[in-house]
Amino acid sequence: MSTSRALPSVRRVLVAGSLVAAIATAVVGILLRPEFPDDPAEYVELLGGSTPVAIGLQLFLWSQVFWAIGLVGLAHAASHRSPVLATIGGVFSGLGAFGHTAYGGASLVTLGMARYAVESGDVDAAQAAFATTQGGDFIPYLLAGLAGTVLGVVFVAAALLRSAVAPRWVAIALLAWTVAEFVLPNFLSAAWVTYTSLLLGVIAFTAAAVAVLRGGAGAWTTVLEAGASERVVPTIEVPAGR
């Protein structure tokens, strides 16, 4: 198979795989996260002495790589028929991934200080680091992560509805996941809200990945690759008897 024919399939598989990996790492990270105590000192001790929590923080950070590739790629798939909505969704999705990555880095600083506190007994230093990473200079990144993620998914879902590159219910599932993940927790704290969000996320992102794989290679083929695949190599006919 020529490179011009192979690359579109590679891009399509990369985007679909990133969509699945993004929701998978996010779900596992959330499931590993315990109920945090209100007391900052207890929080520091829990964070510093819990391996699952540390793994969950790492998974959250890695999920942002897949998030950016998957959602920007999904926006690209819809951009041929809905260029404005898809472009806005892709930009906000990238902004959300950037903001959450910066905030995830701050969480790793808190994790390191919490481990230091557990080993040295200096809980005050870890609490100070925790307070610093929860406010001040990190607030813009937290807001960028939340706003970018919400607006990114909303605009990408709207682009999917307009372009019809995926079944309509896929876009609706993405919007429902956004509400369950970012809106309902502000009003309800029941465990079913979390599990509903996880279930909707798995359904929506997996279905979006399947739609990308079934959508054909047209959206993932550049003009040069399309031209190369259409060229016909001339053949020389040899007269009979020679």
C-alpha atoms as a PDB file:
ATOM      1  CA  MET A   1       0.000   0.000   0.000  1.00  0.00           C
ATOM      2  CA  SER A   2       1.350   3.458  -0.940  1.00  0.00           C
ATOM      3  CA  THR A   3       1.978   6.166   1.639  1.00  0.00           C
ATOM      4  CA  SER A   4      -0.748   8.395   0.159  1.00  0.00           C
ATOM      5  CA  ARG A   5      -3.280   5.648   0.827  1.00  0.00           C
ATOM      6  CA  ALA A   6      -1.947   4.565   4.222  1.00  0.00           C
ATOM      7  CA  LEU A   7      -1.695   7.965   5.939  1.00  0.00           C
ATOM      8  CA  PRO A   8      -5.443   8.789   5.930  1.00  0.00           C
ATOM      9  CA  SER A   9      -6.168   5.481   7.654  1.00  0.00           C
ATOM     10  CA  VAL A  10      -3.423   6.158  10.204  1.00  0.00           C
ATOM     11  CA  ARG A  11      -4.904   9.580  11.015  1.00  0.00           C
ATOM     12  CA  ARG A  12      -8.400   8.152  11.312  1.00  0.00           C
ATOM     13  CA  VAL A  13      -7.287   5.328  13.627  1.00  0.00           C
ATOM     14  CA  LEU A  14      -5.227   7.801  15.701  1.00  0.00           C
ATOM     15  CA  VAL A  15      -8.231  10.056  16.288  1.00  0.00           C
ATOM     16  CA  ALA A  16     -10.599   7.167  17.047  1.00  0.00           C
ATOM     17  CA  GLY A  17      -8.084   5.556  19.390  1.00  0.00           C
ATOM     18  CA  SER A  18      -7.481   8.875  21.164  1.00  0.00           C
ATOM     19  CA  LEU A  19     -11.212   9.352  21.779  1.00  0.00           C
ATOM     20  CA  VAL A  20     -11.409   5.928  23.435  1.00  0.00           C
ATOM     21  CA  ALA A  21      -8.155   6.421  25.359  1.00  0.00           C
ATOM     22  CA  ALA A  22      -9.275   9.859  26.601  1.00  0.00           C
ATOM     23  CA  ILE A  23     -12.472   8.598  28.203  1.00  0.00           C
ATOM     24  CA  ALA A  24     -10.827   5.371  29.429  1.00  0.00           C
ATOM     25  CA  THR A  25      -8.025   7.151  31.285  1.00  0.00           C
ATOM     26  CA  ALA A  26     -10.483   9.706  32.678  1.00  0.00           C
ATOM     27  CA  VAL A  27     -12.873   7.006  33.936  1.00  0.00           C
ATOM     28  CA  VAL A  28     -10.117   4.952  35.588  1.00  0.00           C
ATOM     29  CA  GLY A  29      -8.644   8.090  37.165  1.00  0.00           C
ATOM     30  CA  ILE A  30     -12.026   9.074  38.632  1.00  0.00           C
ATOM     31  CA  LEU A  31     -12.685   5.565  39.941  1.00  0.00           C
ATOM     32  CA  LEU A  32      -9.292   5.553  41.672  1.00  0.00           C
ATOM     33  CA  ARG A  33     -10.004   8.883  43.334  1.00  0.00           C
ATOM     34  CA  PRO A  34     -11.362   8.437  46.882  1.00  0.00           C
ATOM     35  CA  GLU A  35     -13.663  10.758  48.789  1.00  0.00           C
ATOM     36  CA  PHE A  36     -11.372  13.510  50.012  1.00  0.00           C
ATOM     37  CA  PRO A  37     -11.748  14.732  53.618  1.00  0.00           C
ATOM     38  CA  ASP A  38     -12.533  18.367  54.322  1.00  0.00           C
ATOM     39  CA  ASP A  39      -9.554  18.806  56.650  1.00  0.00           C
ATOM     40  CA  PRO A  40      -6.505  19.903  54.590  1.00  0.00           C
ATOM     41  CA  ALA A  41      -4.159  18.022  56.929  1.00  0.00           C
ATOM     42  CA  GLU A  42      -6.055  14.765  56.393  1.00  0.00           C
ATOM     43  CA  TYR A  43      -6.110  15.454  52.671  1.00  0.00           C
ATOM     44  CA  VAL A  44      -2.328  15.826  52.589  1.00  0.00           C
ATOM     45  CA  GLU A  45      -1.830  12.574  54.484  1.00  0.00           C
ATOM     46  CA  LEU A  46      -4.266  10.745  52.186  1.00  0.00           C
ATOM     47  CA  LEU A  47      -2.644  12.135  49.057  1.00  0.00           C
ATOM     48  CA  GLY A  48       0.880  11.344  50.192  1.00  0.00           C
ATOM     49  CA  GLY A  49       0.160   7.806  51.322  1.00  0.00           C
ATOM     50  CA  SER A  50      -2.228   6.586  48.618  1.00  0.00           C
ATOM     51  CA  THR A  51      -0.807   4.949  45.496  1.00  0.00           C
ATOM     52  CA  PRO A  52      -4.189   4.798  43.684  1.00  0.00           C
ATOM     53  CA  VAL A  53      -4.631   8.564  44.088  1.00  0.00           C
ATOM     54  CA  ALA A  54      -1.182   9.157  42.599  1.00  0.00           C
ATOM     55  CA  ILE A  55      -2.011   6.886  39.656  1.00  0.00           C
ATOM     56  CA  GLY A  56      -5.314   8.717  39.164  1.00  0.00           C
ATOM     57  CA  LEU A  57      -3.544  12.084  38.969  1.00  0.00           C
ATOM     58  CA  GLN A  58      -1.089  10.736  36.416  1.00  0.00           C
ATOM     59  CA  LEU A  59      -3.907   9.294  34.311  1.00  0.00           C
ATOM     60  CA  PHE A  60      -5.744  12.621  34.373  1.00  0.00           C
ATOM     61  CA  LEU A  61      -2.638  14.352  33.059  1.00  0.00           C
ATOM     62  CA  TRP A  62      -2.106  11.803  30.275  1.00  0.00           C
ATOM     63  CA  SER A  63      -5.776  11.893  29.323  1.00  0.00           C
ATOM     64  CA  GLN A  64      -5.353  15.476  28.151  1.00  0.00           C
ATOM     65  CA  VAL A  65      -3.037  14.357  25.339  1.00  0.00           C
ATOM     66  CA  PHE A  66      -5.681  11.960  24.048  1.00  0.00           C
ATOM     67  CA  TRP A  67      -8.384  14.556  24.705  1.00  0.00           C
ATOM     68  CA  ALA A  68      -6.715  17.133  22.479  1.00  0.00           C
ATOM     69  CA  ILE A  69      -6.031  14.700  19.623  1.00  0.00           C
ATOM     70  CA  GLY A  70      -9.461  13.063  19.808  1.00  0.00           C
ATOM     71  CA  LEU A  71     -11.691  16.129  20.025  1.00  0.00           C
ATOM     72  CA  VAL A  72      -9.690  18.264  17.602  1.00  0.00           C
ATOM     73  CA  GLY A  73      -9.722  15.324  15.199  1.00  0.00           C
ATOM     74  CA  LEU A  74     -13.471  14.904  15.650  1.00  0.00           C
ATOM     75  CA  ALA A  75     -13.897  18.603  14.917  1.00  0.00           C
ATOM     76  CA  HIS A  76     -11.809  18.163  11.773  1.00  0.00           C
ATOM     77  CA  ALA A  77     -14.090  15.343  10.599  1.00  0.00           C
ATOM     78  CA  ALA A  78     -17.064  17.701  10.833  1.00  0.00           C
ATOM     79  CA  SER A  79     -15.257  20.765   9.432  1.00  0.00           C
ATOM     80  CA  HIS A  80     -15.926  19.922   5.782  1.00  0.00           C
ATOM     81  CA  ARG A  81     -19.666  20.498   6.249  1.00  0.00           C
ATOM     82  CA  SER A  82     -19.659  22.735   9.327  1.00  0.00           C
ATOM     83  CA  PRO A  83     -16.385  24.683   9.230  1.00  0.00           C
ATOM     84  CA  VAL A  84     -17.230  27.504  11.645  1.00  0.00           C
ATOM     85  CA  LEU A  85     -18.675  25.409  14.480  1.00  0.00           C
ATOM     86  CA  ALA A  86     -15.973  22.767  14.069  1.00  0.00           C
ATOM     87  CA  THR A  87     -13.161  25.326  14.140  1.00  0.00           C
ATOM     88  CA  ILE A  88     -14.521  26.989  17.273  1.00  0.00           C
ATOM     89  CA  GLY A  89     -14.972  23.584  18.920  1.00  0.00           C
ATOM     90  CA  GLY A  90     -11.446  22.522  18.022  1.00  0.00           C
ATOM     91  CA  VAL A  91      -9.923  25.734  19.403  1.00  0.00           C
ATOM     92  CA  PHE A  92     -11.842  25.494  22.686  1.00  0.00           C
ATOM     93  CA  SER A  93     -11.008  21.801  23.012  1.00  0.00           C
ATOM     94  CA  GLY A  94      -7.310  22.540  22.632  1.00  0.00           C
ATOM     95  CA  LEU A  95      -7.593  25.363  25.161  1.00  0.00           C
ATOM     96  CA  GLY A  96      -9.337  23.043  27.607  1.00  0.00           C
ATOM     97  CA  ALA A  97      -6.629  20.403  27.263  1.00  0.00           C
ATOM     98  CA  PHE A  98      -3.937  23.045  27.797  1.00  0.00           C
ATOM     99  CA  GLY A  99      -5.619  24.441  30.908  1.00  0.00           C
ATOM    100  CA  HIS A 100      -6.190  21.022  32.437  1.00  0.00           C
ATOM    101  CA  THR A 101      -2.594  20.018  31.670  1.00  0.00           C
ATOM    102  CA  ALA A 102      -1.268  23.060  33.508  1.00  0.00           C
ATOM    103  CA  TYR A 103      -3.596  22.363  36.424  1.00  0.00           C
ATOM    104  CA  GLY A 104      -2.598  18.693  36.371  1.00  0.00           C
ATOM    105  CA  GLY A 105       1.023  19.763  36.707  1.00  0.00           C
ATOM    106  CA  ALA A 106       0.065  21.777  39.777  1.00  0.00           C
ATOM    107  CA  SER A 107      -1.594  18.665  41.200  1.00  0.00           C
ATOM    108  CA  LEU A 108       1.659  16.748  40.759  1.00  0.00           C
ATOM    109  CA  VAL A 109       3.423  19.467  42.759  1.00  0.00           C
ATOM    110  CA  THR A 110       0.872  18.934  45.524  1.00  0.00           C
ATOM    111  CA  LEU A 111       1.458  15.186  45.308  1.00  0.00           C
ATOM    112  CA  GLY A 112       5.208  15.645  45.685  1.00  0.00           C
ATOM    113  CA  MET A 113       4.788  17.943  48.678  1.00  0.00           C
ATOM    114  CA  ALA A 114       2.310  15.536  50.258  1.00  0.00           C
ATOM    115  CA  ARG A 115       4.828  12.703  49.986  1.00  0.00           C
ATOM    116  CA  TYR A 116       7.441  14.971  51.528  1.00  0.00           C
ATOM    117  CA  ALA A 117       5.050  15.727  54.389  1.00  0.00           C
ATOM    118  CA  VAL A 118       4.418  12.039  55.040  1.00  0.00           C
ATOM    119  CA  GLU A 119       8.144  11.272  55.097  1.00  0.00           C
ATOM    120  CA  SER A 120       9.294  14.315  57.084  1.00  0.00           C
ATOM    121  CA  GLY A 121       6.226  15.128  59.156  1.00  0.00           C
ATOM    122  CA  ASP A 122       6.185  18.720  57.862  1.00  0.00           C
ATOM    123  CA  VAL A 123       2.466  18.886  57.095  1.00  0.00           C
ATOM    124  CA  ASP A 124       2.402  22.694  57.147  1.00  0.00           C
ATOM    125  CA  ALA A 125       4.651  22.926  54.077  1.00  0.00           C
ATOM    126  CA  ALA A 126       2.451  20.506  52.143  1.00  0.00           C
ATOM    127  CA  GLN A 127      -0.701  22.384  53.147  1.00  0.00           C
ATOM    128  CA  ALA A 128       0.881  25.639  51.966  1.00  0.00           C
ATOM    129  CA  ALA A 129       1.707  24.051  48.611  1.00  0.00           C
ATOM    130  CA  PHE A 130      -1.811  22.684  48.339  1.00  0.00           C
ATOM    131  CA  ALA A 131      -3.327  26.099  49.076  1.00  0.00           C
ATOM    132  CA  THR A 132      -1.040  27.704  46.483  1.00  0.00           C
ATOM    133  CA  THR A 133      -1.964  25.271  43.709  1.00  0.00           C
ATOM    134  CA  GLN A 134      -5.683  25.716  44.384  1.00  0.00           C
ATOM    135  CA  GLY A 135      -5.707  29.455  43.794  1.00  0.00           C
ATOM    136  CA  GLY A 136      -3.658  32.457  42.784  1.00  0.00           C
ATOM    137  CA  ASP A 137      -1.682  31.974  39.583  1.00  0.00           C
ATOM    138  CA  PHE A 138      -3.358  28.643  38.836  1.00  0.00           C
ATOM    139  CA  ILE A 139      -6.934  29.960  38.723  1.00  0.00           C
ATOM    140  CA  PRO A 140      -6.729  31.089  35.047  1.00  0.00           C
ATOM    141  CA  TYR A 141      -5.573  27.609  34.006  1.00  0.00           C
ATOM    142  CA  LEU A 142      -8.339  25.933  35.987  1.00  0.00           C
ATOM    143  CA  LEU A 143     -10.928  28.212  34.390  1.00  0.00           C
ATOM    144  CA  ALA A 144      -9.415  27.683  30.941  1.00  0.00           C
ATOM    145  CA  GLY A 145      -9.576  23.931  31.436  1.00  0.00           C
ATOM    146  CA  LEU A 146     -13.200  23.928  32.537  1.00  0.00           C
ATOM    147  CA  ALA A 147     -14.505  26.543  30.091  1.00  0.00           C
ATOM    148  CA  GLY A 148     -12.483  25.197  27.190  1.00  0.00           C
ATOM    149  CA  THR A 149     -13.636  21.643  27.784  1.00  0.00           C
ATOM    150  CA  VAL A 150     -17.313  22.517  28.137  1.00  0.00           C
ATOM    151  CA  LEU A 151     -17.429  24.911  25.181  1.00  0.00           C
ATOM    152  CA  GLY A 152     -15.259  22.619  23.081  1.00  0.00           C
ATOM    153  CA  VAL A 153     -17.573  19.632  23.494  1.00  0.00           C
ATOM    154  CA  VAL A 154     -20.683  21.784  22.964  1.00  0.00           C
ATOM    155  CA  PHE A 155     -19.407  23.283  19.701  1.00  0.00           C
ATOM    156  CA  VAL A 156     -18.042  19.972  18.422  1.00  0.00           C
ATOM    157  CA  ALA A 157     -21.392  18.327  19.180  1.00  0.00           C
ATOM    158  CA  ALA A 158     -23.179  21.146  17.350  1.00  0.00           C
ATOM    159  CA  ALA A 159     -20.844  20.669  14.370  1.00  0.00           C
ATOM    160  CA  LEU A 160     -21.631  16.943  14.369  1.00  0.00           C
ATOM    161  CA  LEU A 161     -25.353  17.689  14.370  1.00  0.00           C
ATOM    162  CA  ARG A 162     -24.989  20.108  11.477  1.00  0.00           C
ATOM    163  CA  SER A 163     -22.603  18.013   9.404  1.00  0.00           C
ATOM    164  CA  ALA A 164     -24.246  14.610  10.011  1.00  0.00           C
ATOM    165  CA  VAL A 165     -20.878  12.834   9.938  1.00  0.00           C
ATOM    166  CA  ALA A 166     -22.047  10.805  12.952  1.00  0.00           C
ATOM    167  CA  PRO A 167     -25.485   9.599  14.046  1.00  0.00           C
ATOM    168  CA  ARG A 168     -27.483  12.367  15.664  1.00  0.00           C
ATOM    169  CA  TRP A 169     -27.664  10.535  18.986  1.00  0.00           C
ATOM    170  CA  VAL A 170     -23.855  10.638  19.293  1.00  0.00           C
ATOM    171  CA  ALA A 171     -23.889  14.446  19.437  1.00  0.00           C
ATOM    172  CA  ILE A 172     -26.813  14.355  21.874  1.00  0.00           C
ATOM    173  CA  ALA A 173     -24.893  11.898  24.079  1.00  0.00           C
ATOM    174  CA  LEU A 174     -21.885  14.252  24.099  1.00  0.00           C
ATOM    175  CA  LEU A 175     -24.110  17.130  25.215  1.00  0.00           C
ATOM    176  CA  ALA A 176     -25.755  14.943  27.877  1.00  0.00           C
ATOM    177  CA  TRP A 177     -22.320  13.950  29.168  1.00  0.00           C
ATOM    178  CA  THR A 178     -21.318  17.612  29.408  1.00  0.00           C
ATOM    179  CA  VAL A 179     -24.379  18.360  31.541  1.00  0.00           C
ATOM    180  CA  ALA A 180     -23.857  15.314  33.777  1.00  0.00           C
ATOM    181  CA  GLU A 181     -20.140  15.976  34.218  1.00  0.00           C
ATOM    182  CA  PHE A 182     -20.002  19.734  34.663  1.00  0.00           C
ATOM    183  CA  VAL A 183     -23.478  21.008  35.544  1.00  0.00           C
ATOM    184  CA  LEU A 184     -25.257  18.446  37.750  1.00  0.00           C
ATOM    185  CA  PRO A 185     -22.431  18.152  40.348  1.00  0.00           C
ATOM    186  CA  ASN A 186     -23.023  21.802  41.218  1.00  0.00           C
ATOM    187  CA  PHE A 187     -26.540  20.946  42.373  1.00  0.00           C
ATOM    188  CA  LEU A 188     -26.377  17.247  43.312  1.00  0.00           C
ATOM    189  CA  SER A 189     -23.681  15.346  45.190  1.00  0.00           C
ATOM    190  CA  ALA A 190     -25.135  11.838  44.957  1.00  0.00           C
ATOM    191  CA  ALA A 191     -22.950   8.990  43.726  1.00  0.00           C
ATOM    192  CA  TRP A 192     -25.351   8.212  40.886  1.00  0.00           C
ATOM    193  CA  VAL A 193     -24.459  11.524  39.248  1.00  0.00           C
ATOM    194  CA  THR A 194     -20.821  10.457  38.970  1.00  0.00           C
ATOM    195  CA  TYR A 195     -21.668   7.020  37.609  1.00  0.00           C
ATOM    196  CA  THR A 196     -24.174   8.496  35.161  1.00  0.00           C
ATOM    197  CA  SER A 197     -21.504  10.849  33.878  1.00  0.00           C
ATOM    198  CA  LEU A 198     -19.020   7.992  33.488  1.00  0.00           C
ATOM    199  CA  LEU A 199     -21.524   5.837  31.617  1.00  0.00           C
ATOM    200  CA  LEU A 200     -22.565   8.656  29.291  1.00  0.00           C
ATOM    201  CA  GLY A 201     -18.923   9.494  28.632  1.00  0.00           C
ATOM    202  CA  VAL A 202     -18.037   5.926  27.695  1.00  0.00           C
ATOM    203  CA  ILE A 203     -21.058   5.655  25.387  1.00  0.00           C
ATOM    204  CA  ALA A 204     -20.574   9.056  23.731  1.00  0.00           C
ATOM    205  CA  PHE A 205     -16.825   8.893  23.106  1.00  0.00           C
ATOM    206  CA  THR A 206     -16.825   5.254  22.035  1.00  0.00           C
ATOM    207  CA  ALA A 207     -19.671   5.917  19.603  1.00  0.00           C
ATOM    208  CA  ALA A 208     -17.811   8.960  18.259  1.00  0.00           C
ATOM    209  CA  ALA A 209     -14.733   6.782  17.703  1.00  0.00           C
ATOM    210  CA  VAL A 210     -16.812   4.212  15.813  1.00  0.00           C
ATOM    211  CA  ALA A 211     -18.309   6.988  13.672  1.00  0.00           C
ATOM    212  CA  VAL A 212     -14.820   8.205  12.796  1.00  0.00           C
ATOM    213  CA  LEU A 213     -13.733   4.712  11.748  1.00  0.00           C
ATOM    214  CA  ARG A 214     -16.868   4.198   9.647  1.00  0.00           C
ATOM    215  CA  GLY A 215     -16.761   7.627   8.064  1.00  0.00           C
ATOM    216  CA  GLY A 216     -14.319   6.739   5.327  1.00  0.00           C
ATOM    217  CA  ALA A 217     -10.937   8.244   4.510  1.00  0.00           C
ATOM    218  CA  GLY A 218     -12.181  11.332   2.670  1.00  0.00           C
ATOM    219  CA  ALA A 219     -11.925  13.725   5.621  1.00  0.00           C
ATOM    220  CA  TRP A 220      -8.417  12.492   6.432  1.00  0.00           C
ATOM    221  CA  THR A 221      -6.939  12.734   2.940  1.00  0.00           C
ATOM    222  CA  THR A 222      -4.981  15.819   1.902  1.00  0.00           C
ATOM    223  CA  VAL A 223      -5.243  17.352  -1.568  1.00  0.00           C
ATOM    224  CA  LEU A 224      -1.780  16.073  -2.492  1.00  0.00           C
ATOM    225  CA  GLU A 225      -2.606  12.546  -1.315  1.00  0.00           C
ATOM    226  CA  ALA A 226      -5.880  12.567  -3.223  1.00  0.00           C
ATOM    227  CA  GLY A 227      -4.071  13.705  -6.372  1.00  0.00           C
ATOM    228  CA  ALA A 228      -1.399  11.045  -5.976  1.00  0.00           C
ATOM    229  CA  SER A 229      -3.959   8.272  -5.596  1.00  0.00           C
ATOM    230  CA  GLU A 230      -5.794   9.401  -8.743  1.00  0.00           C
ATOM    231  CA  ARG A 231      -2.729   9.371 -10.964  1.00  0.00           C
ATOM    232  CA  VAL A 232      -2.600   6.458 -13.342  1.00  0.00           C
ATOM    233  CA  VAL A 233       0.802   5.139 -14.316  1.00  0.00           C
ATOM    234  CA  PRO A 234       0.920   4.885 -18.126  1.00  0.00           C
ATOM    235  CA  THR A 235       1.519   1.451 -19.567  1.00  0.00           C
ATOM    236  CA  ILE A 236       3.304   0.632 -22.799  1.00  0.00           C
ATOM    237  CA  GLU A 237       1.581  -1.867 -25.025  1.00  0.00           C
ATOM    238  CA  VAL A 238       3.946  -4.179 -26.847  1.00  0.00           C
ATOM    239  CA  PRO A 239       2.714  -5.252 -30.307  1.00  0.00           C
ATOM    240  CA  ALA A 240       2.081  -8.952 -30.778  1.00  0.00           C
ATOM    241  CA  GLY A 241       4.906 -10.933 -32.198  1.00  0.00           C
ATOM    242  CA  ARG A 242       7.641  -8.942 -30.535  1.00  0.00           C
END
